[in-house]
Amino acid sequence: MPYAWVSYKWQMFENVRNYLSVIYYIIFINLIDLSNFYLKYVLWLPSSHYLLFIRLNFWAFTGIISTREYYDYVKKDFKIPMGWNCWLQHIILFAEWMLILKNSQGQFPETMPIWLQWSWSFIVTGVLTAALALYYKELTRKVNN
């Protein structure tokens, strides 16, 4: 058992800044997961390849550290610098996506189905509507105070 448990309260709906920070981190984590499948497909790697296993372990262990660093960065109102592990993950993810984009030329000729385009449009509209509602709530709070 650990000596003490630390609870994290992201308070996503407290203000727009927290909301957008959490949304950004959710997108970031999903891009990490998605890049795994794209790398397998684009580089023709079988699922049991040792490079994918090493990559998965690297992301898992550095993800623990960088999530804490990102949490501290957001909770201290962006006044402290983001930690090195978090920056390292951003740079590696950027490099992975550059590799995917470079090697995927002509491999995906089909366009996205219309139902999927509509689904993503509704999701993006919902996220932006929630951000605008939180922004309006902040403005009315400032006016009332």
N, C-alpha and C. Protein backbone atom coordinates (compact mmCIF):
# COMPACT_ATOMS: atom_id res chain seq x y z
N MET A 1 0.84 -1.18 0.00
CA MET A 1 0.00 0.00 0.00
C MET A 1 0.88 1.25 0.00
N PRO A 2 0.48 2.23 -0.75
CA PRO A 2 1.26 3.47 -0.73
C PRO A 2 1.08 4.21 0.60
N TYR A 3 2.02 5.08 0.86
CA TYR A 3 1.99 5.86 2.10
C TYR A 3 0.77 6.78 2.14
N ALA A 4 0.46 7.38 1.01
CA ALA A 4 -0.69 8.29 0.95
C ALA A 4 -1.26 8.27 -0.46
N TRP A 5 -2.55 8.47 -0.54
CA TRP A 5 -3.22 8.55 -1.84
C TRP A 5 -3.42 10.02 -2.17
N VAL A 6 -3.17 10.36 -3.42
CA VAL A 6 -3.39 11.72 -3.88
C VAL A 6 -4.59 11.69 -4.82
N SER A 7 -5.57 12.52 -4.49
CA SER A 7 -6.74 12.57 -5.37
C SER A 7 -6.59 13.75 -6.34
N TYR A 8 -6.96 13.50 -7.57
CA TYR A 8 -6.88 14.52 -8.61
C TYR A 8 -8.29 14.98 -8.95
N LYS A 9 -8.48 16.28 -8.91
CA LYS A 9 -9.78 16.86 -9.25
C LYS A 9 -9.58 17.78 -10.45
N TRP A 10 -9.88 17.26 -11.62
CA TRP A 10 -9.68 18.04 -12.84
C TRP A 10 -10.68 19.19 -12.92
N GLN A 11 -11.84 19.04 -12.32
CA GLN A 11 -12.90 20.07 -12.33
C GLN A 11 -13.10 20.61 -13.75
N MET A 12 -13.44 19.71 -14.62
CA MET A 12 -13.55 20.01 -16.04
C MET A 12 -14.57 21.11 -16.34
N PHE A 13 -15.67 21.12 -15.62
CA PHE A 13 -16.73 22.08 -15.93
C PHE A 13 -16.69 23.30 -15.02
N GLU A 14 -15.57 23.56 -14.37
CA GLU A 14 -15.46 24.74 -13.51
C GLU A 14 -15.33 26.01 -14.34
N ASN A 15 -14.51 25.96 -15.39
CA ASN A 15 -14.34 27.11 -16.26
C ASN A 15 -13.91 26.64 -17.65
N VAL A 16 -13.85 27.56 -18.57
CA VAL A 16 -13.54 27.22 -19.96
C VAL A 16 -12.10 26.70 -20.08
N ARG A 17 -11.21 27.29 -19.34
CA ARG A 17 -9.80 26.87 -19.43
C ARG A 17 -9.63 25.41 -19.02
N ASN A 18 -10.24 25.00 -17.92
CA ASN A 18 -10.16 23.60 -17.50
C ASN A 18 -10.83 22.69 -18.52
N TYR A 19 -11.98 23.11 -19.01
CA TYR A 19 -12.72 22.31 -19.99
C TYR A 19 -11.88 22.07 -21.24
N LEU A 20 -11.32 23.13 -21.80
CA LEU A 20 -10.53 22.98 -23.02
C LEU A 20 -9.23 22.22 -22.76
N SER A 21 -8.67 22.36 -21.57
CA SER A 21 -7.46 21.61 -21.23
C SER A 21 -7.74 20.11 -21.17
N VAL A 22 -8.85 19.73 -20.58
CA VAL A 22 -9.20 18.31 -20.51
C VAL A 22 -9.56 17.77 -21.89
N ILE A 23 -10.31 18.54 -22.67
CA ILE A 23 -10.64 18.12 -24.03
C ILE A 23 -9.37 17.93 -24.85
N TYR A 24 -8.42 18.86 -24.71
CA TYR A 24 -7.15 18.72 -25.43
C TYR A 24 -6.43 17.44 -25.02
N TYR A 25 -6.41 17.14 -23.72
CA TYR A 25 -5.71 15.95 -23.27
C TYR A 25 -6.41 14.67 -23.73
N ILE A 26 -7.73 14.68 -23.78
CA ILE A 26 -8.47 13.54 -24.30
C ILE A 26 -8.12 13.32 -25.77
N ILE A 27 -8.08 14.38 -26.56
CA ILE A 27 -7.71 14.27 -27.97
C ILE A 27 -6.28 13.76 -28.10
N PHE A 28 -5.39 14.27 -27.27
CA PHE A 28 -3.99 13.85 -27.29
C PHE A 28 -3.85 12.35 -27.03
N ILE A 29 -4.53 11.85 -26.02
CA ILE A 29 -4.47 10.42 -25.69
C ILE A 29 -5.08 9.58 -26.81
N ASN A 30 -6.17 10.05 -27.39
CA ASN A 30 -6.77 9.31 -28.49
C ASN A 30 -5.87 9.29 -29.72
N LEU A 31 -5.13 10.36 -29.97
CA LEU A 31 -4.17 10.36 -31.08
C LEU A 31 -3.04 9.36 -30.83
N ILE A 32 -2.62 9.20 -29.58
CA ILE A 32 -1.61 8.20 -29.25
C ILE A 32 -2.13 6.81 -29.57
N ASP A 33 -3.36 6.52 -29.15
CA ASP A 33 -3.94 5.20 -29.43
C ASP A 33 -4.15 4.99 -30.92
N LEU A 34 -4.64 6.00 -31.60
CA LEU A 34 -4.89 5.88 -33.04
C LEU A 34 -3.60 5.70 -33.82
N SER A 35 -2.53 6.34 -33.40
CA SER A 35 -1.26 6.21 -34.11
C SER A 35 -0.73 4.78 -34.05
N ASN A 36 -1.07 4.06 -32.98
CA ASN A 36 -0.66 2.65 -32.90
C ASN A 36 -1.23 1.85 -34.07
N PHE A 37 -2.51 2.03 -34.35
CA PHE A 37 -3.14 1.28 -35.43
C PHE A 37 -2.65 1.75 -36.80
N TYR A 38 -2.47 3.04 -36.95
CA TYR A 38 -1.94 3.55 -38.22
C TYR A 38 -0.51 3.06 -38.47
N LEU A 39 0.31 3.05 -37.44
CA LEU A 39 1.68 2.56 -37.60
C LEU A 39 1.70 1.08 -37.99
N LYS A 40 0.82 0.29 -37.37
CA LYS A 40 0.73 -1.12 -37.75
C LYS A 40 0.34 -1.27 -39.22
N TYR A 41 -0.62 -0.48 -39.66
CA TYR A 41 -1.12 -0.61 -41.03
C TYR A 41 -0.14 -0.05 -42.05
N VAL A 42 0.37 1.14 -41.80
CA VAL A 42 1.23 1.81 -42.77
C VAL A 42 2.58 1.11 -42.89
N LEU A 43 3.14 0.66 -41.77
CA LEU A 43 4.46 0.03 -41.80
C LEU A 43 4.39 -1.50 -41.94
N TRP A 44 3.20 -2.04 -42.07
CA TRP A 44 2.96 -3.48 -42.27
C TRP A 44 3.56 -4.31 -41.15
N LEU A 45 3.29 -3.91 -39.93
CA LEU A 45 3.79 -4.63 -38.76
C LEU A 45 2.69 -5.54 -38.23
N PRO A 46 3.02 -6.79 -37.92
CA PRO A 46 2.01 -7.65 -37.28
C PRO A 46 1.76 -7.18 -35.84
N SER A 47 0.62 -7.54 -35.31
CA SER A 47 0.27 -7.10 -33.95
C SER A 47 1.23 -7.61 -32.89
N SER A 48 1.91 -8.70 -33.17
CA SER A 48 2.83 -9.27 -32.18
C SER A 48 4.27 -8.77 -32.34
N HIS A 49 4.48 -7.76 -33.16
CA HIS A 49 5.84 -7.26 -33.40
C HIS A 49 6.41 -6.63 -32.14
N TYR A 50 7.70 -6.86 -31.89
CA TYR A 50 8.32 -6.38 -30.65
C TYR A 50 8.39 -4.85 -30.57
N LEU A 51 8.46 -4.16 -31.71
CA LEU A 51 8.49 -2.69 -31.68
C LEU A 51 7.18 -2.11 -31.13
N LEU A 52 6.07 -2.75 -31.47
CA LEU A 52 4.79 -2.28 -30.94
C LEU A 52 4.69 -2.52 -29.43
N PHE A 53 5.27 -3.63 -28.98
CA PHE A 53 5.29 -3.92 -27.54
C PHE A 53 6.14 -2.90 -26.80
N ILE A 54 7.31 -2.58 -27.34
CA ILE A 54 8.18 -1.58 -26.72
C ILE A 54 7.51 -0.22 -26.71
N ARG A 55 6.87 0.14 -27.83
CA ARG A 55 6.17 1.43 -27.93
C ARG A 55 5.05 1.52 -26.90
N LEU A 56 4.27 0.44 -26.78
CA LEU A 56 3.16 0.43 -25.84
C LEU A 56 3.65 0.61 -24.40
N ASN A 57 4.71 -0.09 -24.03
CA ASN A 57 5.26 0.06 -22.68
C ASN A 57 5.83 1.45 -22.45
N PHE A 58 6.51 1.98 -23.46
CA PHE A 58 7.05 3.33 -23.32
C PHE A 58 5.94 4.34 -23.08
N TRP A 59 4.87 4.28 -23.90
CA TRP A 59 3.77 5.23 -23.74
C TRP A 59 3.06 5.03 -22.39
N ALA A 60 2.94 3.78 -21.95
CA ALA A 60 2.25 3.53 -20.68
C ALA A 60 3.02 4.12 -19.51
N PHE A 61 4.32 3.89 -19.46
CA PHE A 61 5.08 4.36 -18.30
C PHE A 61 5.35 5.86 -18.34
N THR A 62 5.60 6.41 -19.50
CA THR A 62 5.79 7.87 -19.54
C THR A 62 4.45 8.59 -19.45
N GLY A 63 3.37 7.91 -19.80
CA GLY A 63 2.05 8.52 -19.69
C GLY A 63 1.66 8.81 -18.25
N ILE A 64 2.08 7.96 -17.34
CA ILE A 64 1.79 8.19 -15.93
C ILE A 64 2.45 9.48 -15.46
N ILE A 65 3.70 9.65 -15.82
CA ILE A 65 4.46 10.83 -15.40
C ILE A 65 3.93 12.08 -16.08
N SER A 66 3.72 11.99 -17.39
CA SER A 66 3.33 13.19 -18.12
C SER A 66 1.91 13.63 -17.79
N THR A 67 1.04 12.70 -17.43
CA THR A 67 -0.31 13.09 -17.00
C THR A 67 -0.23 13.92 -15.73
N ARG A 68 0.62 13.52 -14.81
CA ARG A 68 0.81 14.30 -13.58
C ARG A 68 1.38 15.68 -13.89
N GLU A 69 2.36 15.72 -14.80
CA GLU A 69 2.96 17.00 -15.17
C GLU A 69 1.93 17.92 -15.84
N TYR A 70 1.11 17.36 -16.70
CA TYR A 70 0.08 18.16 -17.37
C TYR A 70 -0.97 18.63 -16.36
N TYR A 71 -1.33 17.77 -15.42
CA TYR A 71 -2.29 18.16 -14.37
C TYR A 71 -1.75 19.33 -13.56
N ASP A 72 -0.48 19.24 -13.15
CA ASP A 72 0.12 20.35 -12.39
C ASP A 72 0.16 21.63 -13.22
N TYR A 73 0.48 21.50 -14.49
CA TYR A 73 0.53 22.64 -15.40
C TYR A 73 -0.83 23.32 -15.50
N VAL A 74 -1.88 22.54 -15.63
CA VAL A 74 -3.23 23.10 -15.76
C VAL A 74 -3.71 23.68 -14.43
N LYS A 75 -3.47 22.96 -13.33
CA LYS A 75 -3.98 23.40 -12.03
C LYS A 75 -3.25 24.63 -11.49
N LYS A 76 -2.05 24.86 -11.91
CA LYS A 76 -1.32 26.06 -11.47
C LYS A 76 -1.53 27.22 -12.45
N ASP A 77 -2.65 27.17 -13.18
CA ASP A 77 -3.05 28.23 -14.11
C ASP A 77 -1.98 28.54 -15.16
N PHE A 78 -1.31 27.53 -15.64
CA PHE A 78 -0.33 27.64 -16.73
C PHE A 78 0.84 28.56 -16.37
N LYS A 79 1.10 28.73 -15.08
CA LYS A 79 2.18 29.62 -14.65
C LYS A 79 3.51 28.90 -14.47
N ILE A 80 3.47 27.58 -14.34
CA ILE A 80 4.70 26.81 -14.27
C ILE A 80 4.94 26.18 -15.63
N PRO A 81 6.18 25.88 -15.97
CA PRO A 81 6.42 25.24 -17.27
C PRO A 81 5.92 23.80 -17.27
N MET A 82 5.50 23.35 -18.44
CA MET A 82 5.09 21.97 -18.58
C MET A 82 6.33 21.08 -18.43
N GLY A 83 6.16 19.91 -17.84
CA GLY A 83 7.30 19.04 -17.55
C GLY A 83 7.93 18.44 -18.80
N TRP A 84 9.16 17.94 -18.62
CA TRP A 84 9.92 17.39 -19.74
C TRP A 84 9.27 16.16 -20.34
N ASN A 85 8.70 15.31 -19.51
CA ASN A 85 8.07 14.10 -20.04
C ASN A 85 6.86 14.43 -20.90
N CYS A 86 6.12 15.44 -20.49
CA CYS A 86 4.96 15.85 -21.28
C CYS A 86 5.41 16.43 -22.62
N TRP A 87 6.47 17.24 -22.61
CA TRP A 87 7.01 17.77 -23.87
C TRP A 87 7.53 16.64 -24.74
N LEU A 88 8.20 15.68 -24.13
CA LEU A 88 8.73 14.54 -24.87
C LEU A 88 7.62 13.76 -25.55
N GLN A 89 6.52 13.55 -24.84
CA GLN A 89 5.40 12.84 -25.45
C GLN A 89 4.80 13.62 -26.62
N HIS A 90 4.71 14.93 -26.49
CA HIS A 90 4.20 15.73 -27.60
C HIS A 90 5.11 15.63 -28.82
N ILE A 91 6.40 15.69 -28.60
CA ILE A 91 7.35 15.63 -29.72
C ILE A 91 7.32 14.26 -30.38
N ILE A 92 7.27 13.20 -29.58
CA ILE A 92 7.23 11.85 -30.14
C ILE A 92 5.93 11.62 -30.90
N LEU A 93 4.81 12.09 -30.37
CA LEU A 93 3.54 11.94 -31.08
C LEU A 93 3.57 12.71 -32.40
N PHE A 94 4.13 13.90 -32.40
CA PHE A 94 4.26 14.67 -33.63
C PHE A 94 5.12 13.92 -34.64
N ALA A 95 6.23 13.33 -34.20
CA ALA A 95 7.10 12.57 -35.10
C ALA A 95 6.39 11.33 -35.64
N GLU A 96 5.62 10.65 -34.80
CA GLU A 96 4.87 9.49 -35.26
C GLU A 96 3.87 9.87 -36.34
N TRP A 97 3.16 10.98 -36.14
CA TRP A 97 2.16 11.38 -37.13
C TRP A 97 2.82 11.89 -38.41
N MET A 98 4.00 12.47 -38.31
CA MET A 98 4.72 12.85 -39.54
C MET A 98 5.13 11.59 -40.32
N LEU A 99 5.55 10.56 -39.60
CA LEU A 99 5.89 9.28 -40.24
C LEU A 99 4.67 8.65 -40.89
N ILE A 100 3.54 8.70 -40.19
CA ILE A 100 2.31 8.13 -40.73
C ILE A 100 1.87 8.90 -41.98
N LEU A 101 1.87 10.22 -41.91
CA LEU A 101 1.44 11.02 -43.06
C LEU A 101 2.37 10.86 -44.26
N LYS A 102 3.66 10.73 -44.01
CA LYS A 102 4.63 10.57 -45.09
C LYS A 102 4.45 9.22 -45.79
N ASN A 103 4.20 8.16 -45.03
CA ASN A 103 4.15 6.82 -45.60
C ASN A 103 2.75 6.35 -45.97
N SER A 104 1.74 7.17 -45.77
CA SER A 104 0.37 6.74 -46.09
C SER A 104 -0.16 7.35 -47.37
N GLN A 105 0.71 7.92 -48.18
CA GLN A 105 0.27 8.53 -49.44
C GLN A 105 -0.36 7.47 -50.35
N GLY A 106 -1.64 7.66 -50.70
CA GLY A 106 -2.34 6.76 -51.60
C GLY A 106 -2.86 5.49 -50.96
N GLN A 107 -2.67 5.29 -49.67
CA GLN A 107 -3.15 4.06 -49.04
C GLN A 107 -4.60 4.14 -48.57
N PHE A 108 -5.15 5.33 -48.50
CA PHE A 108 -6.52 5.51 -48.06
C PHE A 108 -7.30 6.29 -49.12
N PRO A 109 -7.65 5.65 -50.23
CA PRO A 109 -8.30 6.39 -51.32
C PRO A 109 -9.78 6.69 -51.07
N GLU A 110 -10.42 5.91 -50.18
CA GLU A 110 -11.85 6.13 -49.94
C GLU A 110 -12.05 7.34 -49.05
N THR A 111 -13.10 8.08 -49.31
CA THR A 111 -13.42 9.21 -48.45
C THR A 111 -14.19 8.71 -47.23
N MET A 112 -14.27 9.55 -46.23
CA MET A 112 -15.00 9.20 -45.02
C MET A 112 -16.49 9.11 -45.34
N PRO A 113 -17.18 8.06 -44.87
CA PRO A 113 -18.63 7.94 -45.13
C PRO A 113 -19.40 9.13 -44.57
N ILE A 114 -20.49 9.46 -45.22
CA ILE A 114 -21.26 10.65 -44.84
C ILE A 114 -21.83 10.54 -43.43
N TRP A 115 -22.23 9.34 -43.02
CA TRP A 115 -22.77 9.18 -41.66
C TRP A 115 -21.70 9.46 -40.62
N LEU A 116 -20.46 9.12 -40.93
CA LEU A 116 -19.37 9.38 -40.00
C LEU A 116 -19.03 10.88 -39.96
N GLN A 117 -19.12 11.53 -41.11
CA GLN A 117 -18.91 12.98 -41.14
C GLN A 117 -19.96 13.69 -40.30
N TRP A 118 -21.20 13.26 -40.42
CA TRP A 118 -22.27 13.87 -39.63
C TRP A 118 -22.06 13.60 -38.13
N SER A 119 -21.65 12.38 -37.81
CA SER A 119 -21.43 12.04 -36.40
C SER A 119 -20.35 12.93 -35.80
N TRP A 120 -19.22 13.09 -36.50
CA TRP A 120 -18.15 13.93 -35.99
C TRP A 120 -18.58 15.39 -35.95
N SER A 121 -19.41 15.81 -36.89
CA SER A 121 -19.91 17.19 -36.86
C SER A 121 -20.75 17.43 -35.61
N PHE A 122 -21.59 16.47 -35.24
CA PHE A 122 -22.41 16.61 -34.03
C PHE A 122 -21.53 16.62 -32.78
N ILE A 123 -20.51 15.78 -32.75
CA ILE A 123 -19.62 15.73 -31.59
C ILE A 123 -18.87 17.06 -31.43
N VAL A 124 -18.32 17.57 -32.52
CA VAL A 124 -17.58 18.84 -32.46
C VAL A 124 -18.52 19.98 -32.08
N THR A 125 -19.74 19.97 -32.62
CA THR A 125 -20.72 20.99 -32.27
C THR A 125 -21.06 20.93 -30.79
N GLY A 126 -21.22 19.74 -30.24
CA GLY A 126 -21.51 19.59 -28.81
C GLY A 126 -20.38 20.09 -27.93
N VAL A 127 -19.14 19.77 -28.31
CA VAL A 127 -17.98 20.22 -27.53
C VAL A 127 -17.87 21.73 -27.57
N LEU A 128 -18.05 22.32 -28.74
CA LEU A 128 -17.96 23.78 -28.86
C LEU A 128 -19.12 24.48 -28.15
N THR A 129 -20.31 23.88 -28.20
CA THR A 129 -21.45 24.45 -27.49
C THR A 129 -21.22 24.46 -25.99
N ALA A 130 -20.66 23.37 -25.48
CA ALA A 130 -20.35 23.31 -24.04
C ALA A 130 -19.30 24.36 -23.68
N ALA A 131 -18.29 24.55 -24.54
CA ALA A 131 -17.27 25.57 -24.27
C ALA A 131 -17.88 26.96 -24.27
N LEU A 132 -18.76 27.24 -25.21
CA LEU A 132 -19.43 28.55 -25.25
C LEU A 132 -20.33 28.76 -24.04
N ALA A 133 -21.02 27.69 -23.61
CA ALA A 133 -21.87 27.81 -22.42
C ALA A 133 -21.04 28.10 -21.18
N LEU A 134 -19.88 27.45 -21.05
CA LEU A 134 -19.00 27.72 -19.91
C LEU A 134 -18.44 29.14 -19.99
N TYR A 135 -18.12 29.59 -21.17
CA TYR A 135 -17.62 30.96 -21.34
C TYR A 135 -18.70 31.98 -20.96
N TYR A 136 -19.94 31.72 -21.38
CA TYR A 136 -21.05 32.60 -21.02
C TYR A 136 -21.26 32.60 -19.51
N LYS A 137 -21.12 31.43 -18.88
CA LYS A 137 -21.28 31.33 -17.43
C LYS A 137 -20.19 32.15 -16.72
N GLU A 138 -18.98 32.12 -17.25
CA GLU A 138 -17.89 32.94 -16.68
C GLU A 138 -18.16 34.42 -16.84
N LEU A 139 -18.66 34.81 -18.01
CA LEU A 139 -18.95 36.23 -18.25
C LEU A 139 -20.03 36.73 -17.32
N THR A 140 -21.10 35.95 -17.14
CA THR A 140 -22.17 36.39 -16.25
C THR A 140 -21.69 36.40 -14.81
N ARG A 141 -20.79 35.50 -14.43
CA ARG A 141 -20.24 35.50 -13.08
C ARG A 141 -19.41 36.75 -12.82
N LYS A 142 -18.64 37.17 -13.85
CA LYS A 142 -17.82 38.40 -13.70
C LYS A 142 -18.70 39.64 -13.62
N VAL A 143 -19.76 39.68 -14.41
CA VAL A 143 -20.66 40.83 -14.40
C VAL A 143 -21.39 40.94 -13.06
N ASN A 144 -21.81 39.80 -12.52
CA ASN A 144 -22.55 39.81 -11.26
C ASN A 144 -21.66 40.16 -10.06
N ASN A 145 -20.38 39.92 -10.18
CA ASN A 145 -19.46 40.22 -9.05
C ASN A 145 -18.99 41.60 -9.13
